[in-house]
């Protein structure tokens, strides 16, 4: 019997990763597994821990599990994503990494690893789960070798980047609490004005937009992918009432929570 387990290690196109719904990548969110992305065609941008960077052809991006991120890819682009669970024991960077791959050998090796993963998923052969974990190990080796050969593009963070990263970490930890942007600013020991100015500088959007977007992402996932009562979702996300939650969803999506749930 095959032990293939797609939830263990998984390779997908970016379109598959988003389930063809742009908000699943574009809204601020964090993933329970590590994410490796390779953009082989086109361009886009990413905001990771409040730091915006452009993405071009032959760019690789690694985002550790639990890291607040946004990914905006142009319609003409093509990319692949590999989901790596945290319990595989792989040696992976503790911080986000972005690499512009100029070496053709590094590109070819990476594509070969990802294509091998895709074949395992498509054929459902015996010991497929074990094979996928082995390919994940090769991806880890490839990433460490590439980092040793050329420096990562994210570089050393400035003071503004460190504040943005601290803000994003608090947002991810506390977004269900109903805290406002002013509450988070106070926890960081800065004024809301300074925090807003900093995020505009590092991410191109405001701190309030990131906080709102994180709540909106979670609300949409819970509504469209889950079965919990809408009132309970509202309470779990820190909204003061179900009515306020409904107004929030309508404002940002143009639909009621019930209408979003029907889209499943």
C-alpha atoms as a PDB file:
ATOM      1  CA  UNK A   1       0.000   0.000   0.000  1.00  0.00           C
ATOM      2  CA  UNK A   2       1.292   3.482  -0.844  1.00  0.00           C
ATOM      3  CA  UNK A   3       2.192   5.728   2.060  1.00  0.00           C
ATOM      4  CA  UNK A   4       1.820   8.858  -0.074  1.00  0.00           C
ATOM      5  CA  UNK A   5       0.719  11.741   2.154  1.00  0.00           C
ATOM      6  CA  UNK A   6       0.254  15.053   0.323  1.00  0.00           C
ATOM      7  CA  UNK A   7      -0.138  16.917   3.598  1.00  0.00           C
ATOM      8  CA  UNK A   8       3.450  16.025   4.582  1.00  0.00           C
ATOM      9  CA  UNK A   9       5.539  17.631   1.832  1.00  0.00           C
ATOM     10  CA  UNK A  10       3.725  19.208  -1.070  1.00  0.00           C
ATOM     11  CA  UNK A  11       4.746  20.861  -4.332  1.00  0.00           C
ATOM     12  CA  UNK A  12       2.208  23.083  -6.100  1.00  0.00           C
ATOM     13  CA  UNK A  13       2.019  25.890  -8.586  1.00  0.00           C
ATOM     14  CA  UNK A  14       1.299  29.288  -7.050  1.00  0.00           C
ATOM     15  CA  UNK A  15      -2.163  29.150  -8.603  1.00  0.00           C
ATOM     16  CA  UNK A  16      -2.818  25.859  -6.814  1.00  0.00           C
ATOM     17  CA  UNK A  17      -1.422  27.240  -3.565  1.00  0.00           C
ATOM     18  CA  UNK A  18      -3.912  30.096  -3.718  1.00  0.00           C
ATOM     19  CA  UNK A  19      -6.766  27.821  -4.867  1.00  0.00           C
ATOM     20  CA  UNK A  20      -7.180  30.443  -7.642  1.00  0.00           C
ATOM     21  CA  UNK A  21      -8.238  33.031  -5.055  1.00  0.00           C
ATOM     22  CA  UNK A  22      -5.746  35.894  -4.954  1.00  0.00           C
ATOM     23  CA  UNK A  23      -6.598  36.932  -1.383  1.00  0.00           C
ATOM     24  CA  UNK A  24      -5.117  33.674  -0.049  1.00  0.00           C
ATOM     25  CA  UNK A  25      -1.666  34.961  -0.991  1.00  0.00           C
ATOM     26  CA  UNK A  26      -2.130  38.733  -1.100  1.00  0.00           C
ATOM     27  CA  UNK A  27      -3.624  39.311   2.360  1.00  0.00           C
ATOM     28  CA  UNK A  28      -1.281  39.261   5.390  1.00  0.00           C
ATOM     29  CA  UNK A  29      -1.094  35.731   6.794  1.00  0.00           C
ATOM     30  CA  UNK A  30       1.245  33.167   8.329  1.00  0.00           C
ATOM     31  CA  UNK A  31       1.492  29.497   7.485  1.00  0.00           C
ATOM     32  CA  UNK A  32       1.838  26.523   9.834  1.00  0.00           C
ATOM     33  CA  UNK A  33       4.535  25.046   7.573  1.00  0.00           C
ATOM     34  CA  UNK A  34       7.669  26.509   6.004  1.00  0.00           C
ATOM     35  CA  UNK A  35       7.123  27.825   2.474  1.00  0.00           C
ATOM     36  CA  UNK A  36       9.621  27.749  -0.398  1.00  0.00           C
ATOM     37  CA  UNK A  37       8.698  29.647  -3.569  1.00  0.00           C
ATOM     38  CA  UNK A  38      10.490  29.676  -6.916  1.00  0.00           C
ATOM     39  CA  UNK A  39       9.357  32.253  -9.477  1.00  0.00           C
ATOM     40  CA  UNK A  40      10.458  30.977 -12.892  1.00  0.00           C
ATOM     41  CA  UNK A  41       8.564  33.514 -15.031  1.00  0.00           C
ATOM     42  CA  UNK A  42       7.263  37.032 -14.542  1.00  0.00           C
ATOM     43  CA  UNK A  43       7.454  39.284 -11.537  1.00  0.00           C
ATOM     44  CA  UNK A  44       5.704  40.341  -8.368  1.00  0.00           C
ATOM     45  CA  UNK A  45       6.373  41.574  -4.868  1.00  0.00           C
ATOM     46  CA  UNK A  46       6.406  40.193  -1.397  1.00  0.00           C
ATOM     47  CA  UNK A  47       6.047  41.715   2.055  1.00  0.00           C
ATOM     48  CA  UNK A  48       7.652  39.503   4.695  1.00  0.00           C
ATOM     49  CA  UNK A  49       7.777  40.698   8.310  1.00  0.00           C
ATOM     50  CA  UNK A  50       6.787  44.145   7.122  1.00  0.00           C
ATOM     51  CA  UNK A  51       9.562  44.433   4.550  1.00  0.00           C
ATOM     52  CA  UNK A  52       8.617  44.828   0.887  1.00  0.00           C
ATOM     53  CA  UNK A  53      10.802  43.454  -1.876  1.00  0.00           C
ATOM     54  CA  UNK A  54      10.368  42.931  -5.586  1.00  0.00           C
ATOM     55  CA  UNK A  55      10.338  39.478  -7.155  1.00  0.00           C
ATOM     56  CA  UNK A  56      11.712  38.819 -10.629  1.00  0.00           C
ATOM     57  CA  UNK A  57      12.266  35.781 -12.815  1.00  0.00           C
ATOM     58  CA  UNK A  58      14.499  33.133 -11.215  1.00  0.00           C
ATOM     59  CA  UNK A  59      13.959  34.364  -7.673  1.00  0.00           C
ATOM     60  CA  UNK A  60      13.699  31.927  -4.759  1.00  0.00           C
ATOM     61  CA  UNK A  61      11.986  32.836  -1.497  1.00  0.00           C
ATOM     62  CA  UNK A  62      11.987  30.921   1.779  1.00  0.00           C
ATOM     63  CA  UNK A  63       9.566  31.924   4.542  1.00  0.00           C
ATOM     64  CA  UNK A  64       9.712  30.100   7.898  1.00  0.00           C
ATOM     65  CA  UNK A  65       6.491  28.832   9.439  1.00  0.00           C
ATOM     66  CA  UNK A  66       4.609  31.395  11.503  1.00  0.00           C
ATOM     67  CA  UNK A  67       6.084  34.378   9.638  1.00  0.00           C
ATOM     68  CA  UNK A  68       3.669  37.115   8.581  1.00  0.00           C
ATOM     69  CA  UNK A  69       3.807  37.474   4.813  1.00  0.00           C
ATOM     70  CA  UNK A  70       2.029  38.725   1.699  1.00  0.00           C
ATOM     71  CA  UNK A  71       2.674  37.583  -1.867  1.00  0.00           C
ATOM     72  CA  UNK A  72       1.466  39.491  -4.931  1.00  0.00           C
ATOM     73  CA  UNK A  73       2.327  37.848  -8.263  1.00  0.00           C
ATOM     74  CA  UNK A  74       1.437  39.285 -11.680  1.00  0.00           C
ATOM     75  CA  UNK A  75      -1.086  37.379 -13.788  1.00  0.00           C
ATOM     76  CA  UNK A  76       1.524  36.563 -16.445  1.00  0.00           C
ATOM     77  CA  UNK A  77       3.883  34.987 -13.918  1.00  0.00           C
ATOM     78  CA  UNK A  78       4.503  31.340 -13.159  1.00  0.00           C
ATOM     79  CA  UNK A  79       5.938  29.953  -9.966  1.00  0.00           C
ATOM     80  CA  UNK A  80       6.198  26.835  -7.862  1.00  0.00           C
ATOM     81  CA  UNK A  81       5.718  26.468  -4.127  1.00  0.00           C
ATOM     82  CA  UNK A  82       6.886  23.733  -1.762  1.00  0.00           C
ATOM     83  CA  UNK A  83       5.269  23.326   1.643  1.00  0.00           C
ATOM     84  CA  UNK A  84       7.644  21.880   4.255  1.00  0.00           C
ATOM     85  CA  UNK A  85       6.186  20.815   7.619  1.00  0.00           C
ATOM     86  CA  UNK A  86       8.133  21.901  10.675  1.00  0.00           C
ATOM     87  CA  UNK A  87       8.532  18.398  12.128  1.00  0.00           C
ATOM     88  CA  UNK A  88      10.741  16.940   9.383  1.00  0.00           C
ATOM     89  CA  UNK A  89      13.972  17.841  11.172  1.00  0.00           C
ATOM     90  CA  UNK A  90      15.342  19.713   8.158  1.00  0.00           C
ATOM     91  CA  UNK A  91      18.143  22.254   8.519  1.00  0.00           C
ATOM     92  CA  UNK A  92      16.488  25.402   7.238  1.00  0.00           C
ATOM     93  CA  UNK A  93      17.091  29.130   7.818  1.00  0.00           C
ATOM     94  CA  UNK A  94      15.468  30.612  10.913  1.00  0.00           C
ATOM     95  CA  UNK A  95      14.817  33.896   9.079  1.00  0.00           C
ATOM     96  CA  UNK A  96      13.228  34.699   5.698  1.00  0.00           C
ATOM     97  CA  UNK A  97      15.574  34.390   2.717  1.00  0.00           C
ATOM     98  CA  UNK A  98      15.296  35.745  -0.823  1.00  0.00           C
ATOM     99  CA  UNK A  99      17.747  34.722  -3.549  1.00  0.00           C
ATOM    100  CA  UNK A 100      18.190  35.904  -7.120  1.00  0.00           C
ATOM    101  CA  UNK A 101      19.448  32.822  -8.975  1.00  0.00           C
ATOM    102  CA  UNK A 102      21.983  33.841 -11.617  1.00  0.00           C
ATOM    103  CA  UNK A 103      23.772  30.507 -11.838  1.00  0.00           C
ATOM    104  CA  UNK A 104      22.206  28.187 -14.435  1.00  0.00           C
ATOM    105  CA  UNK A 105      23.396  25.071 -12.573  1.00  0.00           C
ATOM    106  CA  UNK A 106      21.641  26.178  -9.370  1.00  0.00           C
ATOM    107  CA  UNK A 107      18.460  26.829 -11.379  1.00  0.00           C
ATOM    108  CA  UNK A 108      18.617  23.413 -13.041  1.00  0.00           C
ATOM    109  CA  UNK A 109      19.242  21.603  -9.746  1.00  0.00           C
ATOM    110  CA  UNK A 110      16.304  23.359  -8.092  1.00  0.00           C
ATOM    111  CA  UNK A 111      13.908  22.608 -10.939  1.00  0.00           C
ATOM    112  CA  UNK A 112      14.995  18.945 -10.914  1.00  0.00           C
ATOM    113  CA  UNK A 113      14.234  18.621  -7.182  1.00  0.00           C
ATOM    114  CA  UNK A 114      10.799  20.214  -7.499  1.00  0.00           C
ATOM    115  CA  UNK A 115       9.911  18.204 -10.610  1.00  0.00           C
ATOM    116  CA  UNK A 116      10.869  14.997  -8.774  1.00  0.00           C
ATOM    117  CA  UNK A 117       8.459  15.985  -5.994  1.00  0.00           C
ATOM    118  CA  UNK A 118       5.719  16.575  -8.523  1.00  0.00           C
ATOM    119  CA  UNK A 119       6.274  13.126 -10.083  1.00  0.00           C
ATOM    120  CA  UNK A 120       5.959  11.469  -6.678  1.00  0.00           C
ATOM    121  CA  UNK A 121       2.691  13.270  -6.053  1.00  0.00           C
ATOM    122  CA  UNK A 122       1.326  12.398  -9.488  1.00  0.00           C
ATOM    123  CA  UNK A 123       2.205   8.682  -9.521  1.00  0.00           C
ATOM    124  CA  UNK A 124       1.156   7.669  -5.976  1.00  0.00           C
ATOM    125  CA  UNK A 125       3.812   4.958  -5.846  1.00  0.00           C
ATOM    126  CA  UNK A 126       4.649   2.949  -2.724  1.00  0.00           C
ATOM    127  CA  UNK A 127       6.763   4.819  -0.162  1.00  0.00           C
ATOM    128  CA  UNK A 128       5.836   8.113  -1.808  1.00  0.00           C
ATOM    129  CA  UNK A 129       5.752   9.958   1.515  1.00  0.00           C
ATOM    130  CA  UNK A 130       9.282   8.764   2.313  1.00  0.00           C
ATOM    131  CA  UNK A 131      10.461   9.832  -1.133  1.00  0.00           C
ATOM    132  CA  UNK A 132       8.925  13.296  -0.730  1.00  0.00           C
ATOM    133  CA  UNK A 133      10.734  13.744   2.571  1.00  0.00           C
ATOM    134  CA  UNK A 134      13.991  12.728   0.889  1.00  0.00           C
ATOM    135  CA  UNK A 135      13.439  15.332  -1.832  1.00  0.00           C
ATOM    136  CA  UNK A 136      12.680  17.892   0.881  1.00  0.00           C
ATOM    137  CA  UNK A 137      16.051  17.056   2.392  1.00  0.00           C
ATOM    138  CA  UNK A 138      17.705  17.669  -0.983  1.00  0.00           C
ATOM    139  CA  UNK A 139      15.897  21.015  -1.198  1.00  0.00           C
ATOM    140  CA  UNK A 140      17.301  21.912   2.232  1.00  0.00           C
ATOM    141  CA  UNK A 141      20.815  21.023   1.051  1.00  0.00           C
ATOM    142  CA  UNK A 142      20.312  23.017  -2.161  1.00  0.00           C
ATOM    143  CA  UNK A 143      19.192  26.069  -0.179  1.00  0.00           C
ATOM    144  CA  UNK A 144      22.144  25.922   2.218  1.00  0.00           C
ATOM    145  CA  UNK A 145      24.627  25.441  -0.619  1.00  0.00           C
ATOM    146  CA  UNK A 146      23.158  28.360  -2.538  1.00  0.00           C
ATOM    147  CA  UNK A 147      23.235  30.593   0.521  1.00  0.00           C
ATOM    148  CA  UNK A 148      26.888  29.680   1.055  1.00  0.00           C
ATOM    149  CA  UNK A 149      27.695  30.613  -2.549  1.00  0.00           C
ATOM    150  CA  UNK A 150      25.868  33.954  -2.688  1.00  0.00           C
ATOM    151  CA  UNK A 151      24.461  36.284  -0.018  1.00  0.00           C
ATOM    152  CA  UNK A 152      20.722  36.502   0.543  1.00  0.00           C
ATOM    153  CA  UNK A 153      19.022  39.613  -0.793  1.00  0.00           C
ATOM    154  CA  UNK A 154      17.236  40.497   2.443  1.00  0.00           C
ATOM    155  CA  UNK A 155      20.530  41.593   4.014  1.00  0.00           C
ATOM    156  CA  UNK A 156      21.008  43.167   7.431  1.00  0.00           C
ATOM    157  CA  UNK A 157      17.836  44.848   8.723  1.00  0.00           C
ATOM    158  CA  UNK A 158      17.795  48.543   9.607  1.00  0.00           C
ATOM    159  CA  UNK A 159      16.148  49.958  12.733  1.00  0.00           C
ATOM    160  CA  UNK A 160      12.960  50.548  10.755  1.00  0.00           C
ATOM    161  CA  UNK A 161      12.993  46.940   9.513  1.00  0.00           C
ATOM    162  CA  UNK A 162      13.434  45.664  13.063  1.00  0.00           C
ATOM    163  CA  UNK A 163      10.455  47.698  14.269  1.00  0.00           C
ATOM    164  CA  UNK A 164       8.350  46.471  11.328  1.00  0.00           C
ATOM    165  CA  UNK A 165       9.322  42.859  12.086  1.00  0.00           C
ATOM    166  CA  UNK A 166       8.465  43.280  15.776  1.00  0.00           C
ATOM    167  CA  UNK A 167       5.110  44.762  14.818  1.00  0.00           C
ATOM    168  CA  UNK A 168       4.341  41.862  12.475  1.00  0.00           C
ATOM    169  CA  UNK A 169       5.295  39.325  15.144  1.00  0.00           C
ATOM    170  CA  UNK A 170       2.855  40.946  17.590  1.00  0.00           C
ATOM    171  CA  UNK A 171       0.124  41.105  14.957  1.00  0.00           C
ATOM    172  CA  UNK A 172       0.499  37.394  14.249  1.00  0.00           C
ATOM    173  CA  UNK A 173       0.491  36.561  17.938  1.00  0.00           C
ATOM    174  CA  UNK A 174      -2.406  38.793  19.020  1.00  0.00           C
ATOM    175  CA  UNK A 175      -4.648  39.503  16.015  1.00  0.00           C
ATOM    176  CA  UNK A 176      -7.467  37.454  17.576  1.00  0.00           C
ATOM    177  CA  UNK A 177      -7.500  39.659  20.690  1.00  0.00           C
ATOM    178  CA  UNK A 178      -9.302  42.634  19.154  1.00  0.00           C
ATOM    179  CA  UNK A 179      -6.306  44.907  19.765  1.00  0.00           C
ATOM    180  CA  UNK A 180      -6.101  48.108  17.730  1.00  0.00           C
ATOM    181  CA  UNK A 181      -3.047  49.431  15.955  1.00  0.00           C
ATOM    182  CA  UNK A 182      -2.653  51.961  18.797  1.00  0.00           C
ATOM    183  CA  UNK A 183      -2.577  49.077  21.303  1.00  0.00           C
ATOM    184  CA  UNK A 184       0.203  47.365  19.363  1.00  0.00           C
ATOM    185  CA  UNK A 185       2.148  50.636  19.071  1.00  0.00           C
ATOM    186  CA  UNK A 186       1.939  51.075  22.832  1.00  0.00           C
ATOM    187  CA  UNK A 187       3.218  47.524  23.362  1.00  0.00           C
ATOM    188  CA  UNK A 188       6.189  48.360  21.130  1.00  0.00           C
ATOM    189  CA  UNK A 189       6.905  51.616  22.967  1.00  0.00           C
ATOM    190  CA  UNK A 190       6.293  53.898  19.979  1.00  0.00           C
ATOM    191  CA  UNK A 191       3.538  56.258  18.912  1.00  0.00           C
ATOM    192  CA  UNK A 192       0.904  55.185  16.377  1.00  0.00           C
ATOM    193  CA  UNK A 193       2.164  57.938  14.072  1.00  0.00           C
ATOM    194  CA  UNK A 194       5.732  56.641  14.174  1.00  0.00           C
ATOM    195  CA  UNK A 195       4.588  53.060  13.623  1.00  0.00           C
ATOM    196  CA  UNK A 196       2.428  54.072  10.665  1.00  0.00           C
ATOM    197  CA  UNK A 197       5.277  56.075   9.127  1.00  0.00           C
ATOM    198  CA  UNK A 198       7.701  53.190   9.601  1.00  0.00           C
ATOM    199  CA  UNK A 199       5.436  50.615   7.938  1.00  0.00           C
ATOM    200  CA  UNK A 200       4.792  52.966   5.029  1.00  0.00           C
ATOM    201  CA  UNK A 201       8.556  53.182   4.611  1.00  0.00           C
ATOM    202  CA  UNK A 202       9.333  49.461   4.893  1.00  0.00           C
ATOM    203  CA  UNK A 203       6.189  47.808   3.504  1.00  0.00           C
ATOM    204  CA  UNK A 204       4.467  50.467   1.417  1.00  0.00           C
ATOM    205  CA  UNK A 205       1.253  50.076   3.427  1.00  0.00           C
ATOM    206  CA  UNK A 206       0.185  51.210   6.876  1.00  0.00           C
ATOM    207  CA  UNK A 207       0.325  49.284  10.126  1.00  0.00           C
ATOM    208  CA  UNK A 208      -3.471  49.465  10.345  1.00  0.00           C
ATOM    209  CA  UNK A 209      -3.804  47.892   6.883  1.00  0.00           C
ATOM    210  CA  UNK A 210      -1.620  44.972   7.936  1.00  0.00           C
ATOM    211  CA  UNK A 211      -3.605  44.422  11.139  1.00  0.00           C
ATOM    212  CA  UNK A 212      -6.927  44.658   9.299  1.00  0.00           C
ATOM    213  CA  UNK A 213      -5.705  42.384   6.514  1.00  0.00           C
ATOM    214  CA  UNK A 214      -4.572  39.708   8.964  1.00  0.00           C
ATOM    215  CA  UNK A 215      -7.999  39.600  10.606  1.00  0.00           C
ATOM    216  CA  UNK A 216      -9.693  39.575   7.207  1.00  0.00           C
ATOM    217  CA  UNK A 217      -7.568  36.664   5.973  1.00  0.00           C
ATOM    218  CA  UNK A 218      -8.386  34.552   9.021  1.00  0.00           C
ATOM    219  CA  UNK A 219     -12.069  35.423   8.793  1.00  0.00           C
ATOM    220  CA  UNK A 220     -12.234  34.394   5.136  1.00  0.00           C
ATOM    221  CA  UNK A 221     -10.418  31.117   5.781  1.00  0.00           C
ATOM    222  CA  UNK A 222     -12.742  30.264   8.665  1.00  0.00           C
ATOM    223  CA  UNK A 223     -15.837  31.212   6.682  1.00  0.00           C
ATOM    224  CA  UNK A 224     -14.939  29.587   3.364  1.00  0.00           C
ATOM    225  CA  UNK A 225     -13.006  26.545   4.546  1.00  0.00           C
ATOM    226  CA  UNK A 226     -14.667  25.764   7.861  1.00  0.00           C
ATOM    227  CA  UNK A 227     -18.069  25.045   9.349  1.00  0.00           C
ATOM    228  CA  UNK A 228     -18.035  26.965  12.640  1.00  0.00           C
ATOM    229  CA  UNK A 229     -21.054  29.232  13.258  1.00  0.00           C
ATOM    230  CA  UNK A 230     -20.514  32.794  12.087  1.00  0.00           C
ATOM    231  CA  UNK A 231     -21.181  34.168  15.563  1.00  0.00           C
ATOM    232  CA  UNK A 232     -18.485  31.936  17.028  1.00  0.00           C
ATOM    233  CA  UNK A 233     -15.989  33.002  14.349  1.00  0.00           C
ATOM    234  CA  UNK A 234     -16.717  36.625  15.229  1.00  0.00           C
ATOM    235  CA  UNK A 235     -16.047  35.929  18.900  1.00  0.00           C
ATOM    236  CA  UNK A 236     -12.870  33.934  18.208  1.00  0.00           C
ATOM    237  CA  UNK A 237     -11.437  36.806  16.157  1.00  0.00           C
ATOM    238  CA  UNK A 238     -12.052  39.380  18.887  1.00  0.00           C
ATOM    239  CA  UNK A 239     -14.969  41.271  17.358  1.00  0.00           C
ATOM    240  CA  UNK A 240     -17.268  42.964  19.860  1.00  0.00           C
ATOM    241  CA  UNK A 241     -20.411  41.631  18.182  1.00  0.00           C
ATOM    242  CA  UNK A 242     -21.575  39.519  15.260  1.00  0.00           C
ATOM    243  CA  UNK A 243     -23.137  42.629  13.731  1.00  0.00           C
ATOM    244  CA  UNK A 244     -19.796  44.444  13.756  1.00  0.00           C
ATOM    245  CA  UNK A 245     -18.143  41.377  12.227  1.00  0.00           C
ATOM    246  CA  UNK A 246     -20.727  41.352   9.435  1.00  0.00           C
ATOM    247  CA  UNK A 247     -20.110  45.042   8.696  1.00  0.00           C
ATOM    248  CA  UNK A 248     -16.353  44.389   8.667  1.00  0.00           C
ATOM    249  CA  UNK A 249     -16.684  41.565   6.131  1.00  0.00           C
ATOM    250  CA  UNK A 250     -19.077  43.542   3.937  1.00  0.00           C
ATOM    251  CA  UNK A 251     -16.799  46.576   3.938  1.00  0.00           C
ATOM    252  CA  UNK A 252     -13.751  44.639   2.794  1.00  0.00           C
ATOM    253  CA  UNK A 253     -15.283  42.024   0.490  1.00  0.00           C
ATOM    254  CA  UNK A 254     -18.614  43.481  -0.635  1.00  0.00           C
ATOM    255  CA  UNK A 255     -20.327  40.312   0.581  1.00  0.00           C
ATOM    256  CA  UNK A 256     -21.939  39.143   3.799  1.00  0.00           C
ATOM    257  CA  UNK A 257     -20.322  36.343   5.817  1.00  0.00           C
ATOM    258  CA  UNK A 258     -23.150  34.030   4.733  1.00  0.00           C
ATOM    259  CA  UNK A 259     -22.543  34.845   1.062  1.00  0.00           C
ATOM    260  CA  UNK A 260     -18.824  34.134   1.419  1.00  0.00           C
ATOM    261  CA  UNK A 261     -19.589  30.791   3.034  1.00  0.00           C
ATOM    262  CA  UNK A 262     -21.814  29.819   0.101  1.00  0.00           C
ATOM    263  CA  UNK A 263     -18.799  30.164  -2.231  1.00  0.00           C
ATOM    264  CA  UNK A 264     -17.321  26.920  -0.922  1.00  0.00           C
END
